[in-house]
Every structure is written in C-alpha cells, then in structure tokens.
N, C-alpha and C. Protein backbone atom coordinates (compact mmCIF):
# COMPACT_ATOMS: atom_id res chain seq x y z
N MET A 1 15.34 51.06 -8.58
CA MET A 1 14.08 50.41 -8.08
C MET A 1 14.05 49.29 -8.39
N ALA A 2 14.11 47.86 -8.06
CA ALA A 2 13.80 46.70 -8.75
C ALA A 2 12.21 46.75 -8.86
N ASP A 3 12.23 45.89 -9.68
CA ASP A 3 10.31 45.29 -9.96
C ASP A 3 10.27 44.21 -8.80
N ARG A 4 9.06 44.10 -8.61
CA ARG A 4 8.78 43.10 -6.91
C ARG A 4 7.42 42.43 -7.91
N THR A 5 7.83 41.20 -7.95
CA THR A 5 6.40 40.52 -8.48
C THR A 5 5.74 40.00 -7.18
N VAL A 6 4.23 40.63 -6.82
CA VAL A 6 3.68 40.18 -5.87
C VAL A 6 2.81 39.00 -6.50
N VAL A 7 3.17 37.84 -5.61
CA VAL A 7 1.83 36.86 -5.81
C VAL A 7 0.89 36.61 -5.03
N LYS A 8 -0.34 36.80 -5.41
CA LYS A 8 -1.33 36.42 -4.34
C LYS A 8 -1.64 35.29 -4.10
N ARG A 9 -2.10 34.82 -2.80
CA ARG A 9 -2.70 33.47 -2.55
C ARG A 9 -4.18 33.46 -3.01
N ARG A 10 -4.47 32.20 -3.54
CA ARG A 10 -5.66 32.23 -4.06
C ARG A 10 -6.36 32.24 -2.91
N GLU A 11 -7.60 32.82 -3.20
CA GLU A 11 -8.51 33.00 -1.95
C GLU A 11 -9.63 31.78 -2.02
N THR A 12 -9.93 31.30 -1.10
CA THR A 12 -10.94 30.06 -1.43
C THR A 12 -12.21 30.34 -0.08
N ALA A 13 -13.18 29.89 -0.48
CA ALA A 13 -14.27 30.38 0.18
C ALA A 13 -14.56 29.85 1.18
N ALA A 14 -14.92 30.14 2.19
CA ALA A 14 -15.13 29.44 3.53
C ALA A 14 -16.07 28.31 3.27
N PRO A 15 -15.91 27.04 3.88
CA PRO A 15 -16.12 25.61 3.62
C PRO A 15 -17.42 25.88 4.27
N LEU A 16 -18.84 25.08 3.48
CA LEU A 16 -20.36 25.13 4.03
C LEU A 16 -20.47 24.57 5.43
N ALA A 17 -19.87 23.38 5.85
CA ALA A 17 -19.36 23.18 6.98
C ALA A 17 -18.02 21.74 6.69
N ALA A 18 -17.34 21.50 8.26
CA ALA A 18 -16.15 21.11 8.14
C ALA A 18 -16.81 20.17 9.19
N TYR A 19 -16.02 18.95 9.14
CA TYR A 19 -16.40 17.65 10.57
C TYR A 19 -14.74 17.75 10.97
N GLU A 20 -14.48 17.66 12.05
CA GLU A 20 -13.35 16.89 12.59
C GLU A 20 -13.68 15.99 13.43
N VAL A 21 -12.74 15.16 14.32
CA VAL A 21 -12.80 13.78 15.25
C VAL A 21 -12.85 14.50 16.39
N ASN A 22 -13.94 14.01 17.04
CA ASN A 22 -14.25 14.28 18.27
C ASN A 22 -13.26 13.53 19.33
N ARG A 23 -12.14 14.14 19.57
CA ARG A 23 -11.16 13.28 20.35
C ARG A 23 -11.06 12.65 21.45
N TRP A 24 -12.57 13.17 22.40
CA TRP A 24 -12.93 12.59 23.10
C TRP A 24 -13.55 11.16 22.96
N ARG A 25 -14.12 10.88 22.07
CA ARG A 25 -14.89 9.73 21.99
C ARG A 25 -14.17 8.94 20.76
N ALA A 26 -13.11 9.43 20.07
CA ALA A 26 -12.24 8.44 19.70
C ALA A 26 -11.35 7.88 20.79
N GLY A 27 -10.59 9.05 21.92
CA GLY A 27 -10.05 8.57 22.49
C GLY A 27 -10.70 7.33 23.92
N GLY A 28 -11.76 7.73 24.27
CA GLY A 28 -12.43 6.90 25.08
C GLY A 28 -13.01 5.40 24.22
N PHE A 29 -13.12 5.62 22.92
CA PHE A 29 -13.28 4.24 22.05
C PHE A 29 -11.59 3.43 22.16
N LEU A 30 -10.77 4.51 21.88
CA LEU A 30 -9.16 3.75 22.03
C LEU A 30 -9.28 3.12 22.98
N VAL A 31 -9.37 3.58 24.62
CA VAL A 31 -9.37 3.09 25.78
C VAL A 31 -10.10 1.57 26.14
N LEU A 32 -11.35 1.47 25.07
CA LEU A 32 -12.16 0.47 25.47
C LEU A 32 -11.39 -0.44 24.32
N LEU A 33 -11.00 -0.18 22.95
CA LEU A 33 -10.11 -1.55 22.35
C LEU A 33 -9.05 -1.69 23.04
N ILE A 34 -8.10 -1.11 23.36
CA ILE A 34 -6.68 -1.53 24.31
C ILE A 34 -7.30 -2.36 25.28
N GLY A 35 -8.44 -1.47 26.44
CA GLY A 35 -8.88 -2.83 27.18
C GLY A 35 -9.22 -4.20 26.75
N MET A 36 -9.74 -4.31 25.24
CA MET A 36 -10.48 -5.69 25.04
C MET A 36 -9.01 -6.20 24.40
N LEU A 37 -8.10 -5.29 23.80
CA LEU A 37 -6.57 -6.23 23.64
C LEU A 37 -6.06 -6.88 24.81
N GLY A 38 -6.32 -6.03 26.13
CA GLY A 38 -5.65 -6.65 27.26
C GLY A 38 -6.23 -7.91 27.55
N PHE A 39 -7.54 -7.73 27.59
CA PHE A 39 -8.18 -8.86 28.32
C PHE A 39 -8.03 -10.39 27.30
N ALA A 40 -7.87 -10.17 25.93
CA ALA A 40 -7.69 -10.67 25.39
C ALA A 40 -6.45 -11.63 25.36
N LEU A 41 -5.24 -10.56 25.55
CA LEU A 41 -3.74 -11.26 25.56
C LEU A 41 -3.97 -12.18 27.08
N VAL A 42 -4.12 -11.66 28.37
CA VAL A 42 -4.02 -12.08 29.94
C VAL A 42 -5.28 -13.41 29.56
N ARG A 43 -6.15 -13.64 29.08
CA ARG A 43 -7.17 -14.34 28.45
C ARG A 43 -6.21 -15.55 27.89
N LEU A 44 -5.42 -15.26 26.72
CA LEU A 44 -4.80 -16.27 26.05
C LEU A 44 -3.58 -16.43 26.94
N VAL A 45 -2.99 -16.15 27.67
CA VAL A 45 -1.96 -16.79 28.09
C VAL A 45 -2.08 -17.38 29.05
N THR A 46 -3.46 -17.17 29.98
CA THR A 46 -3.64 -18.02 31.18
C THR A 46 -4.55 -19.36 30.69
N GLU A 47 -5.13 -19.18 29.56
CA GLU A 47 -6.02 -20.36 28.82
C GLU A 47 -6.10 -20.82 27.48
N GLY A 48 -5.23 -20.22 27.32
CA GLY A 48 -5.03 -20.74 25.57
C GLY A 48 -4.30 -22.06 25.60
N GLN A 49 -3.40 -22.09 26.27
CA GLN A 49 -2.79 -23.73 26.45
C GLN A 49 -3.39 -24.87 26.42
N ARG A 50 -4.84 -24.25 27.16
CA ARG A 50 -5.47 -25.52 27.65
C ARG A 50 -6.71 -25.41 26.89
N ASP A 51 -6.76 -24.80 26.07
CA ASP A 51 -8.66 -24.54 25.61
C ASP A 51 -8.67 -23.94 24.23
N SER A 52 -8.93 -24.85 22.94
CA SER A 52 -8.26 -24.43 21.46
C SER A 52 -9.52 -23.44 21.31
N ASP A 53 -10.69 -23.52 22.21
CA ASP A 53 -12.14 -22.55 21.88
C ASP A 53 -11.46 -21.15 22.13
N ALA A 54 -10.99 -20.94 23.27
CA ALA A 54 -10.44 -19.89 24.03
C ALA A 54 -9.35 -19.77 23.13
N LEU A 55 -8.35 -19.98 22.41
CA LEU A 55 -7.54 -19.90 21.29
C LEU A 55 -8.11 -19.07 20.21
N ILE A 56 -8.90 -19.49 20.00
CA ILE A 56 -9.47 -19.25 18.57
C ILE A 56 -10.23 -17.61 18.85
N ALA A 57 -11.13 -17.81 19.91
CA ALA A 57 -12.18 -16.66 20.49
C ALA A 57 -11.26 -15.34 20.66
N MET A 58 -10.15 -15.52 21.19
CA MET A 58 -9.15 -14.66 21.92
C MET A 58 -8.12 -14.52 20.31
N GLY A 59 -7.60 -15.03 19.88
CA GLY A 59 -7.07 -14.40 18.64
C GLY A 59 -7.87 -13.90 17.60
N VAL A 60 -9.25 -14.13 17.13
CA VAL A 60 -10.39 -13.33 17.04
C VAL A 60 -10.34 -11.96 17.26
N LEU A 61 -10.86 -11.85 18.66
CA LEU A 61 -10.87 -10.60 19.65
C LEU A 61 -9.37 -9.49 19.20
N ILE A 62 -8.58 -10.15 19.47
CA ILE A 62 -7.36 -9.16 18.90
C ILE A 62 -7.33 -8.85 17.73
N LEU A 63 -7.21 -9.82 16.96
CA LEU A 63 -7.44 -9.01 15.28
C LEU A 63 -8.49 -8.03 15.35
N VAL A 64 -9.65 -8.21 15.77
CA VAL A 64 -10.99 -7.36 15.57
C VAL A 64 -10.21 -5.87 16.56
N ALA A 65 -9.70 -6.12 17.77
CA ALA A 65 -9.12 -5.00 18.40
C ALA A 65 -7.88 -4.00 17.80
N CYS A 66 -7.38 -5.05 16.92
CA CYS A 66 -6.45 -4.46 16.68
C CYS A 66 -6.57 -3.30 15.21
N VAL A 67 -7.48 -4.32 14.12
CA VAL A 67 -8.46 -3.45 13.15
C VAL A 67 -9.09 -2.37 13.92
N MET A 68 -9.51 -2.35 14.51
CA MET A 68 -10.42 -1.10 14.74
C MET A 68 -9.42 0.00 15.46
N SER A 69 -8.29 -0.34 16.44
CA SER A 69 -7.34 0.70 17.05
C SER A 69 -6.86 1.45 15.74
N TRP A 70 -6.34 0.72 14.34
CA TRP A 70 -6.03 1.32 13.39
C TRP A 70 -6.55 2.83 12.99
N TRP A 71 -8.19 1.99 12.93
CA TRP A 71 -9.04 2.69 12.19
C TRP A 71 -9.42 4.15 13.03
N VAL A 72 -9.25 3.78 14.60
CA VAL A 72 -9.00 5.14 15.07
C VAL A 72 -7.90 5.73 14.95
N LEU A 73 -6.44 5.33 15.34
CA LEU A 73 -5.42 5.94 15.10
C LEU A 73 -5.31 7.00 13.96
N ARG A 74 -6.04 6.22 12.43
CA ARG A 74 -6.24 6.82 11.33
C ARG A 74 -6.73 8.42 11.21
N ASP A 75 -8.12 8.21 12.12
CA ASP A 75 -9.03 9.40 11.73
C ASP A 75 -7.66 10.48 13.15
N LEU A 76 -7.36 10.13 13.98
CA LEU A 76 -6.66 10.96 15.03
C LEU A 76 -5.31 11.69 14.61
N ARG A 77 -4.80 10.91 13.35
CA ARG A 77 -3.78 11.82 12.66
C ARG A 77 -3.94 13.14 12.18
N PHE A 78 -4.90 13.29 12.37
CA PHE A 78 -5.47 14.47 11.44
C PHE A 78 -5.60 15.49 12.41
N LYS A 79 -5.23 16.97 12.64
CA LYS A 79 -5.67 18.25 13.45
C LYS A 79 -6.36 18.62 13.17
N GLY A 80 -7.32 18.52 11.73
CA GLY A 80 -8.38 19.72 11.62
C GLY A 80 -9.03 18.86 10.93
N PRO A 81 -9.88 19.45 10.05
CA PRO A 81 -11.46 18.78 9.62
C PRO A 81 -11.21 17.84 8.70
N ILE A 82 -12.01 16.42 8.21
CA ILE A 82 -11.60 15.64 7.54
C ILE A 82 -12.24 15.63 6.45
N LEU A 83 -13.87 15.90 7.23
CA LEU A 83 -14.93 15.81 6.21
C LEU A 83 -14.99 17.33 5.98
N ILE A 84 -14.84 17.73 4.39
CA ILE A 84 -15.11 19.59 4.05
C ILE A 84 -15.93 18.96 3.17
N LEU A 85 -17.26 19.92 3.01
CA LEU A 85 -18.20 20.36 2.53
C LEU A 85 -17.80 22.07 1.90
N GLU A 86 -18.05 21.93 0.53
CA GLU A 86 -17.60 23.07 -0.31
C GLU A 86 -18.64 23.31 -1.14
N ARG A 87 -18.17 24.44 -1.97
CA ARG A 87 -19.55 25.01 -2.38
C ARG A 87 -19.28 23.56 -4.16
N GLN A 88 -17.88 23.35 -4.10
CA GLN A 88 -17.48 22.64 -5.53
C GLN A 88 -17.78 21.17 -5.46
N GLY A 89 -17.92 20.73 -4.20
CA GLY A 89 -18.20 19.58 -3.40
C GLY A 89 -17.67 19.22 -1.87
N LEU A 90 -17.27 17.95 -1.80
CA LEU A 90 -17.12 17.45 -0.86
C LEU A 90 -15.71 16.73 -0.73
N ARG A 91 -15.10 16.93 0.44
CA ARG A 91 -13.70 16.42 0.46
C ARG A 91 -13.48 15.41 1.94
N ASP A 92 -13.10 14.49 1.88
CA ASP A 92 -12.84 13.23 2.99
C ASP A 92 -10.96 13.40 2.70
N LEU A 93 -10.56 13.73 3.56
CA LEU A 93 -9.36 13.78 3.55
C LEU A 93 -8.63 12.47 3.80
N ARG A 94 -9.53 11.62 4.37
CA ARG A 94 -9.02 10.25 4.78
C ARG A 94 -8.69 9.54 3.24
N ARG A 95 -9.29 10.20 2.52
CA ARG A 95 -9.78 9.59 0.64
C ARG A 95 -8.55 10.29 0.08
N GLY A 96 -7.56 11.19 0.30
CA GLY A 96 -6.91 11.82 -0.27
C GLY A 96 -7.10 13.02 -0.40
N GLU A 97 -6.62 13.39 -1.12
CA GLU A 97 -6.72 15.00 -1.11
C GLU A 97 -7.75 15.49 -2.38
N GLY A 98 -8.30 14.35 -3.21
CA GLY A 98 -9.51 15.07 -4.04
C GLY A 98 -10.59 15.43 -4.13
N ILE A 99 -11.41 16.10 -4.68
CA ILE A 99 -12.93 16.65 -4.39
C ILE A 99 -13.55 15.57 -4.91
N ILE A 100 -14.64 15.03 -4.42
CA ILE A 100 -16.04 14.84 -5.19
C ILE A 100 -17.10 16.06 -5.34
N ALA A 101 -17.23 16.49 -6.63
CA ALA A 101 -17.88 17.36 -7.39
C ALA A 101 -19.42 16.61 -6.93
N TRP A 102 -20.08 17.82 -6.66
CA TRP A 102 -21.49 17.88 -6.36
C TRP A 102 -22.67 17.11 -7.75
N GLU A 103 -21.87 17.55 -9.22
CA GLU A 103 -22.38 16.76 -10.16
C GLU A 103 -22.02 15.53 -10.13
N ASP A 104 -21.06 14.95 -9.74
CA ASP A 104 -20.91 13.37 -9.67
C ASP A 104 -21.69 12.93 -8.93
N ILE A 105 -22.44 13.26 -7.89
CA ILE A 105 -23.09 12.16 -7.24
C ILE A 105 -24.81 12.50 -7.55
N ALA A 106 -25.39 11.07 -7.48
CA ALA A 106 -25.93 10.40 -8.29
C ALA A 106 -27.32 10.45 -6.84
N GLU A 107 -26.52 10.43 -5.92
CA GLU A 107 -27.70 10.08 -4.34
C GLU A 107 -26.80 9.88 -3.40
N ALA A 108 -27.45 10.84 -2.00
CA ALA A 108 -26.68 10.61 -0.97
C ALA A 108 -27.75 9.90 0.19
N SER A 109 -27.26 9.02 1.05
CA SER A 109 -28.42 8.53 2.16
C SER A 109 -27.57 8.59 3.41
N ALA A 110 -28.38 8.30 4.59
CA ALA A 110 -27.35 8.38 6.03
C ALA A 110 -27.68 6.37 6.15
N LYS A 111 -26.67 6.26 6.63
CA LYS A 111 -26.51 4.64 6.99
C LYS A 111 -26.24 4.77 8.17
N ARG A 112 -26.63 3.53 8.93
CA ARG A 112 -26.38 2.92 9.98
C ARG A 112 -25.89 1.73 9.91
N ARG A 113 -24.20 1.12 10.74
CA ARG A 113 -24.35 -0.05 11.09
C ARG A 113 -24.34 -0.71 12.44
N GLY A 114 -23.73 -1.39 12.64
CA GLY A 114 -23.30 -1.93 14.10
C GLY A 114 -22.63 -0.66 14.87
N VAL A 115 -23.20 -1.11 16.53
CA VAL A 115 -22.18 -0.17 17.62
C VAL A 115 -20.70 0.27 17.17
N LEU A 116 -19.83 -1.13 16.73
CA LEU A 116 -19.02 -1.16 16.85
C LEU A 116 -18.33 -0.15 15.23
N THR A 117 -19.10 -0.31 14.18
CA THR A 117 -18.80 0.74 12.93
C THR A 117 -19.60 2.11 13.24
N GLY A 118 -20.31 1.80 13.65
CA GLY A 118 -20.69 3.80 13.84
C GLY A 118 -22.05 4.20 12.99
N LYS A 119 -21.44 5.41 12.27
CA LYS A 119 -22.52 6.19 11.41
C LYS A 119 -21.75 6.56 10.29
N GLY A 120 -22.95 6.82 9.21
CA GLY A 120 -22.06 7.88 8.32
C GLY A 120 -23.03 8.43 7.33
N ILE A 121 -22.37 8.85 6.01
CA ILE A 121 -23.08 9.14 4.76
C ILE A 121 -22.54 7.73 3.86
N ARG A 122 -23.74 7.30 2.67
CA ARG A 122 -22.94 6.94 1.74
C ARG A 122 -23.47 7.42 0.42
N LEU A 123 -22.46 7.73 -0.34
CA LEU A 123 -22.83 8.36 -1.54
C LEU A 123 -22.83 7.66 -3.18
N VAL A 124 -23.81 7.56 -3.59
CA VAL A 124 -23.86 6.63 -5.23
C VAL A 124 -23.44 8.06 -6.00
N LEU A 125 -22.36 7.55 -6.50
CA LEU A 125 -22.10 8.30 -7.68
C LEU A 125 -22.73 7.89 -9.31
N ARG A 126 -22.62 9.04 -10.22
CA ARG A 126 -23.45 8.89 -11.37
C ARG A 126 -22.95 7.48 -12.03
N ASP A 127 -21.26 6.93 -11.96
CA ASP A 127 -20.77 6.21 -12.38
C ASP A 127 -21.03 4.99 -11.64
N GLY A 128 -22.37 4.58 -10.84
CA GLY A 128 -22.31 3.83 -9.83
C GLY A 128 -21.50 3.41 -8.73
N GLN A 129 -20.66 3.97 -8.80
CA GLN A 129 -19.48 4.10 -7.39
C GLN A 129 -20.24 4.10 -6.16
N ARG A 130 -19.99 3.30 -5.27
CA ARG A 130 -20.55 3.40 -3.87
C ARG A 130 -19.26 4.02 -3.03
N ILE A 131 -19.48 4.78 -2.31
CA ILE A 131 -18.35 5.86 -1.32
C ILE A 131 -19.30 6.16 0.07
N ASP A 132 -18.59 5.29 0.90
CA ASP A 132 -18.98 5.51 2.37
C ASP A 132 -17.96 6.22 2.85
N ILE A 133 -18.79 7.12 3.78
CA ILE A 133 -18.15 8.46 4.75
C ILE A 133 -18.37 7.93 5.77
N GLU A 134 -17.51 7.07 6.84
CA GLU A 134 -17.75 7.34 8.36
C GLU A 134 -17.69 8.34 8.78
N MET A 135 -18.54 8.40 9.90
CA MET A 135 -18.76 9.85 10.62
C MET A 135 -18.55 9.53 12.32
N TYR A 136 -18.60 8.06 12.54
CA TYR A 136 -18.87 7.82 13.77
C TYR A 136 -17.55 8.50 14.62
N LEU A 137 -16.51 8.45 14.49
CA LEU A 137 -15.62 9.67 15.27
C LEU A 137 -15.86 10.60 15.00
N MET A 138 -16.82 11.27 14.23
CA MET A 138 -16.57 12.90 14.29
C MET A 138 -17.50 14.14 14.69
N LYS A 139 -17.08 15.17 15.03
CA LYS A 139 -18.26 15.95 15.69
C LYS A 139 -19.00 16.18 14.51
N GLY A 140 -20.54 15.89 15.04
CA GLY A 140 -21.37 16.38 13.77
C GLY A 140 -22.22 14.79 13.52
N SER A 141 -23.15 15.67 13.09
CA SER A 141 -24.21 14.15 12.64
C SER A 141 -24.20 13.83 11.19
N PRO A 142 -24.13 12.63 10.75
CA PRO A 142 -24.63 12.33 9.42
C PRO A 142 -25.32 13.22 8.78
N MET A 143 -27.00 13.62 9.60
CA MET A 143 -27.86 14.02 8.94
C MET A 143 -27.66 15.24 9.00
N GLN A 144 -26.86 16.08 9.67
CA GLN A 144 -26.16 17.44 9.26
C GLN A 144 -25.80 17.53 8.07
N ALA A 145 -24.91 16.27 7.98
CA ALA A 145 -24.04 17.12 6.73
C ALA A 145 -25.21 16.85 5.74
N LEU A 146 -26.09 15.53 5.52
CA LEU A 146 -27.08 15.46 4.33
C LEU A 146 -27.76 16.31 4.39
N GLU A 147 -28.44 17.27 4.94
CA GLU A 147 -28.98 18.58 5.01
C GLU A 147 -28.31 19.45 4.17
N ILE A 148 -26.82 19.57 4.33
CA ILE A 148 -25.81 20.38 3.15
C ILE A 148 -26.13 19.83 2.11
N ILE A 149 -25.54 18.82 2.19
CA ILE A 149 -25.53 17.78 0.85
C ILE A 149 -26.42 17.73 -0.02
N ASN A 150 -28.05 17.44 0.72
CA ASN A 150 -29.09 17.91 -0.08
C ASN A 150 -29.64 18.87 -0.73
N ARG A 151 -29.40 19.86 -0.21
CA ARG A 151 -29.28 21.52 -0.69
C ARG A 151 -28.34 21.68 -2.03
N GLU A 152 -27.10 21.05 -1.68
CA GLU A 152 -26.54 21.87 -2.97
C GLU A 152 -26.91 20.64 -4.16
N LEU A 153 -27.41 19.42 -3.76
CA LEU A 153 -28.02 18.25 -4.95
C LEU A 153 -28.99 18.45 -5.17
N ASN A 154 -29.99 19.38 -4.45
CA ASN A 154 -31.58 19.68 -4.97
C ASN A 154 -32.01 18.23 -5.05
N GLY A 155 -31.63 17.25 -3.96
CA GLY A 155 -32.72 16.20 -4.13
C GLY A 155 -33.14 16.28 -2.84
N VAL A 156 -33.60 14.83 -1.79
CA VAL A 156 -34.28 14.53 -1.07
C VAL A 156 -33.65 13.78 -0.22
N VAL A 157 -33.43 13.78 1.21
CA VAL A 157 -32.51 13.12 2.17
C VAL A 157 -33.33 12.07 2.20
N GLU A 158 -32.34 10.80 2.14
CA GLU A 158 -33.14 9.51 2.66
C GLU A 158 -32.57 9.18 3.42
N LYS A 159 -33.32 8.49 4.21
CA LYS A 159 -33.07 7.74 5.70
C LYS A 159 -32.58 6.40 5.41
N SER A 160 -31.69 5.58 5.92
CA SER A 160 -31.38 4.27 5.88
C SER A 160 -32.11 3.57 7.10
N GLU A 161 -32.60 2.35 6.43
CA GLU A 161 -33.15 1.69 7.62
C GLU A 161 -32.24 1.04 8.41
C-alpha cells in the first residue's frame, strides 16, 4: 500500500464583514455616464464646429464620463466582496491582495465627497500614509464598516464634516 500525503487546506476564519458591489447602483450609474457621453458626443458633432466654448465644455464632459466609467467598470469586474474586514486587518482587493493590519492603522474616519465621487472611509496609517477606500458603489455603508474597524482599533469613530 502506497503512502499518501494528505495536504489540508489552510482554514481561514470567517471575515468580520465583507462588502461587494451593488450591481444595481453601479449599473444605473454606468447608464447615467453613458447617457452623458452620448449627449456630449451629439452636442460636440452638432455644435462643436461653430462654438469653441461648447467644444471645450463637451470635451471636459467626455473626459469626466470616460474616467468615471472606468472607475465603475473597475469595481464591476469583481464577482465577490471587494472590501473584507478580517481579524488580522482589512483587505481592499482594488488595491491588491495585501492586508492592512489593524496595528498599522492610526485613525479611521468616514469621508464624504461630492455626488459623483461618493462616500467611503479614510485611513491614516501610523507612518502617516493616507488611504481612501471608496464605498459609493458597495452594499453597506461606511458607518457600518467603521463600527467594526473602530471595535478592532479600540478607538472612537470620527465623522467627517
């Protein structure tokens, strides 16, 4: 009888929380951006030759719509959770596979920006580096995530202005 080596998969603890893309929100936002792009292109073709101000405005609108569409499509490429809060720290898969250990985080706060750029969490690491985690297109809210982060950091959740 031959010896067989049994390799066990490393068991991982269930995450504290996991946040994935809200596909309805992302899809609706993408439709809005495609509409903006279409409007700008039609306006550019019909009036861009006659009006230099329209040419510049529509060029900026096209640029913004393209950049924002890339942002939405980047998040839509993930099939599962993007932001994962674990016992060891947190993982934002958009930033790579690495984990940010709780010990490395000095401060965490909610951040709000304009309508198009959404909401999220701002982390300040002990080395002074700032990391913004966008949650506009995700299921769940920054405050839900901050409650867990706060519990792990044993700090106080700060609300941004």
